[in-house]
Amino acid sequence: MEKQTLPNSTLILVFGILSIVGCCCYGVLGIIFAIVALVLAKKANVLYTENPELYDGYSNVKTGKILAIIGLILSIIYLIYVIILFATVGMDGYMEMIEEMKRSAGA
């Protein structure tokens, strides 16, 4: 009998990668992608542990889960940083910081 690829194994890997990239979007997108990847990885893990000889592609699930955990941690840290930044300097202070960075970069 030929082995089947685990359902959503590639999607879990892609969402794990997107969770790391998404942490740059104020942390919100990274958290969303990481949670979706972790939920899908849990379902795939249960399916694989029931019949490991029937499925292939478990390495994608493990790698995607690890990347999702890393992305979730980075996103939470960045989201906390953004919340603290807005709580301390406010929106006006944030916009002044952006303008100062633009001036110093020569844009």
C-alpha atoms as a PDB file:
ATOM      1  CA  MET A   1       0.000   0.000   0.000  1.00  0.00           C
ATOM      2  CA  GLU A   2       1.296   3.417  -0.969  1.00  0.00           C
ATOM      3  CA  LYS A   3       1.775   6.026   1.729  1.00  0.00           C
ATOM      4  CA  GLN A   4      -0.411   9.116   1.624  1.00  0.00           C
ATOM      5  CA  THR A   5       0.788  12.590   2.438  1.00  0.00           C
ATOM      6  CA  LEU A   6      -0.573  13.902   5.715  1.00  0.00           C
ATOM      7  CA  PRO A   7      -3.409  16.355   5.120  1.00  0.00           C
ATOM      8  CA  ASN A   8      -2.289  19.985   5.395  1.00  0.00           C
ATOM      9  CA  SER A   9       1.362  19.084   6.048  1.00  0.00           C
ATOM     10  CA  THR A  10       2.621  21.617   3.505  1.00  0.00           C
ATOM     11  CA  LEU A  11       0.089  24.204   4.704  1.00  0.00           C
ATOM     12  CA  ILE A  12       1.337  23.802   8.278  1.00  0.00           C
ATOM     13  CA  LEU A  13       4.886  24.442   7.096  1.00  0.00           C
ATOM     14  CA  VAL A  14       3.845  27.516   5.091  1.00  0.00           C
ATOM     15  CA  PHE A  15       1.823  28.922   8.000  1.00  0.00           C
ATOM     16  CA  GLY A  16       4.794  28.326  10.315  1.00  0.00           C
ATOM     17  CA  ILE A  17       7.001  30.374   8.001  1.00  0.00           C
ATOM     18  CA  LEU A  18       4.337  33.073   7.633  1.00  0.00           C
ATOM     19  CA  SER A  19       4.025  33.312  11.414  1.00  0.00           C
ATOM     20  CA  ILE A  20       7.672  34.349  11.628  1.00  0.00           C
ATOM     21  CA  VAL A  21       7.332  36.804   8.746  1.00  0.00           C
ATOM     22  CA  GLY A  22       4.004  38.069  10.137  1.00  0.00           C
ATOM     23  CA  CYS A  23       5.509  39.078  13.449  1.00  0.00           C
ATOM     24  CA  CYS A  24       6.698  42.253  11.708  1.00  0.00           C
ATOM     25  CA  CYS A  25       3.066  43.350  11.219  1.00  0.00           C
ATOM     26  CA  TYR A  26       2.695  44.528  14.827  1.00  0.00           C
ATOM     27  CA  GLY A  27       2.598  40.857  15.868  1.00  0.00           C
ATOM     28  CA  VAL A  28      -1.054  40.326  15.009  1.00  0.00           C
ATOM     29  CA  LEU A  29      -0.646  38.414  11.733  1.00  0.00           C
ATOM     30  CA  GLY A  30       2.102  36.279  13.229  1.00  0.00           C
ATOM     31  CA  ILE A  31      -0.135  35.250  16.112  1.00  0.00           C
ATOM     32  CA  ILE A  32      -2.988  34.352  13.760  1.00  0.00           C
ATOM     33  CA  PHE A  33      -0.806  32.255  11.438  1.00  0.00           C
ATOM     34  CA  ALA A  34       0.921  30.560  14.378  1.00  0.00           C
ATOM     35  CA  ILE A  35      -2.329  29.575  16.076  1.00  0.00           C
ATOM     36  CA  VAL A  36      -3.780  28.184  12.841  1.00  0.00           C
ATOM     37  CA  ALA A  37      -0.574  26.227  12.179  1.00  0.00           C
ATOM     38  CA  LEU A  38      -0.535  24.811  15.711  1.00  0.00           C
ATOM     39  CA  VAL A  39      -4.175  23.704  15.512  1.00  0.00           C
ATOM     40  CA  LEU A  40      -3.607  22.023  12.148  1.00  0.00           C
ATOM     41  CA  ALA A  41      -0.412  20.418  13.439  1.00  0.00           C
ATOM     42  CA  LYS A  42      -2.254  18.979  16.431  1.00  0.00           C
ATOM     43  CA  LYS A  43      -4.862  17.406  14.138  1.00  0.00           C
ATOM     44  CA  ALA A  44      -2.177  16.026  11.829  1.00  0.00           C
ATOM     45  CA  ASN A  45      -0.217  14.686  14.809  1.00  0.00           C
ATOM     46  CA  VAL A  46      -3.268  12.802  16.100  1.00  0.00           C
ATOM     47  CA  LEU A  47      -3.888  11.371  12.637  1.00  0.00           C
ATOM     48  CA  TYR A  48      -0.251  10.307  12.276  1.00  0.00           C
ATOM     49  CA  THR A  49      -0.001   8.667  15.701  1.00  0.00           C
ATOM     50  CA  GLU A  50      -3.062   6.513  14.969  1.00  0.00           C
ATOM     51  CA  ASN A  51      -1.497   4.982  11.821  1.00  0.00           C
ATOM     52  CA  PRO A  52       2.089   6.107  11.231  1.00  0.00           C
ATOM     53  CA  GLU A  53       2.678   3.506   8.515  1.00  0.00           C
ATOM     54  CA  LEU A  54      -0.063   5.013   6.318  1.00  0.00           C
ATOM     55  CA  TYR A  55       1.218   8.590   6.151  1.00  0.00           C
ATOM     56  CA  ASP A  56       4.226  10.425   4.842  1.00  0.00           C
ATOM     57  CA  GLY A  57       5.271  14.056   5.349  1.00  0.00           C
ATOM     58  CA  TYR A  58       5.407  14.117   9.128  1.00  0.00           C
ATOM     59  CA  SER A  59       8.688  16.049   8.974  1.00  0.00           C
ATOM     60  CA  ASN A  60       6.807  18.998   7.423  1.00  0.00           C
ATOM     61  CA  VAL A  61       4.364  18.912  10.316  1.00  0.00           C
ATOM     62  CA  LYS A  62       7.144  18.871  12.930  1.00  0.00           C
ATOM     63  CA  THR A  63       9.078  21.662  11.212  1.00  0.00           C
ATOM     64  CA  GLY A  64       5.944  23.774  10.752  1.00  0.00           C
ATOM     65  CA  LYS A  65       5.015  23.302  14.407  1.00  0.00           C
ATOM     66  CA  ILE A  66       8.472  24.419  15.557  1.00  0.00           C
ATOM     67  CA  LEU A  67       8.364  27.451  13.248  1.00  0.00           C
ATOM     68  CA  ALA A  68       4.862  28.298  14.483  1.00  0.00           C
ATOM     69  CA  ILE A  69       6.021  28.195  18.099  1.00  0.00           C
ATOM     70  CA  ILE A  70       8.968  30.458  17.277  1.00  0.00           C
ATOM     71  CA  GLY A  71       6.686  32.801  15.307  1.00  0.00           C
ATOM     72  CA  LEU A  72       4.165  32.883  18.148  1.00  0.00           C
ATOM     73  CA  ILE A  73       6.827  33.802  20.693  1.00  0.00           C
ATOM     74  CA  LEU A  74       8.321  36.505  18.449  1.00  0.00           C
ATOM     75  CA  SER A  75       4.880  37.904  17.654  1.00  0.00           C
ATOM     76  CA  ILE A  76       3.865  38.069  21.304  1.00  0.00           C
ATOM     77  CA  ILE A  77       7.118  39.803  22.223  1.00  0.00           C
ATOM     78  CA  TYR A  78       6.689  42.317  19.401  1.00  0.00           C
ATOM     79  CA  LEU A  79       3.029  42.915  20.254  1.00  0.00           C
ATOM     80  CA  ILE A  80       3.956  43.601  23.881  1.00  0.00           C
ATOM     81  CA  TYR A  81       6.665  45.999  22.675  1.00  0.00           C
ATOM     82  CA  VAL A  82       4.156  47.857  20.479  1.00  0.00           C
ATOM     83  CA  ILE A  83       1.637  48.099  23.321  1.00  0.00           C
ATOM     84  CA  ILE A  84       4.296  49.466  25.677  1.00  0.00           C
ATOM     85  CA  LEU A  85       5.495  51.877  22.971  1.00  0.00           C
ATOM     86  CA  PHE A  86       2.024  53.281  22.366  1.00  0.00           C
ATOM     87  CA  ALA A  87       1.300  53.413  26.106  1.00  0.00           C
ATOM     88  CA  THR A  88       4.424  55.438  26.829  1.00  0.00           C
ATOM     89  CA  VAL A  89       4.838  57.777  23.851  1.00  0.00           C
ATOM     90  CA  GLY A  90       1.390  57.653  22.267  1.00  0.00           C
ATOM     91  CA  MET A  91       0.492  57.938  18.616  1.00  0.00           C
ATOM     92  CA  ASP A  92       1.952  61.423  18.217  1.00  0.00           C
ATOM     93  CA  GLY A  93       5.277  60.379  19.700  1.00  0.00           C
ATOM     94  CA  TYR A  94       5.327  57.320  17.464  1.00  0.00           C
ATOM     95  CA  MET A  95       4.715  59.433  14.361  1.00  0.00           C
ATOM     96  CA  GLU A  96       7.504  61.808  15.438  1.00  0.00           C
ATOM     97  CA  MET A  97       9.852  58.836  15.780  1.00  0.00           C
ATOM     98  CA  ILE A  98       8.959  57.691  12.252  1.00  0.00           C
ATOM     99  CA  GLU A  99       9.554  61.174  10.827  1.00  0.00           C
ATOM    100  CA  GLU A 100      12.903  61.406  12.627  1.00  0.00           C
ATOM    101  CA  MET A 101      13.952  58.048  11.192  1.00  0.00           C
ATOM    102  CA  LYS A 102      12.980  59.220   7.703  1.00  0.00           C
ATOM    103  CA  ARG A 103      15.003  62.406   8.085  1.00  0.00           C
ATOM    104  CA  SER A 104      18.055  60.556   9.374  1.00  0.00           C
ATOM    105  CA  ALA A 105      17.820  58.036   6.508  1.00  0.00           C
ATOM    106  CA  GLY A 106      17.671  60.856   3.965  1.00  0.00           C
ATOM    107  CA  ALA A 107      14.262  59.944   2.552  1.00  0.00           C
END
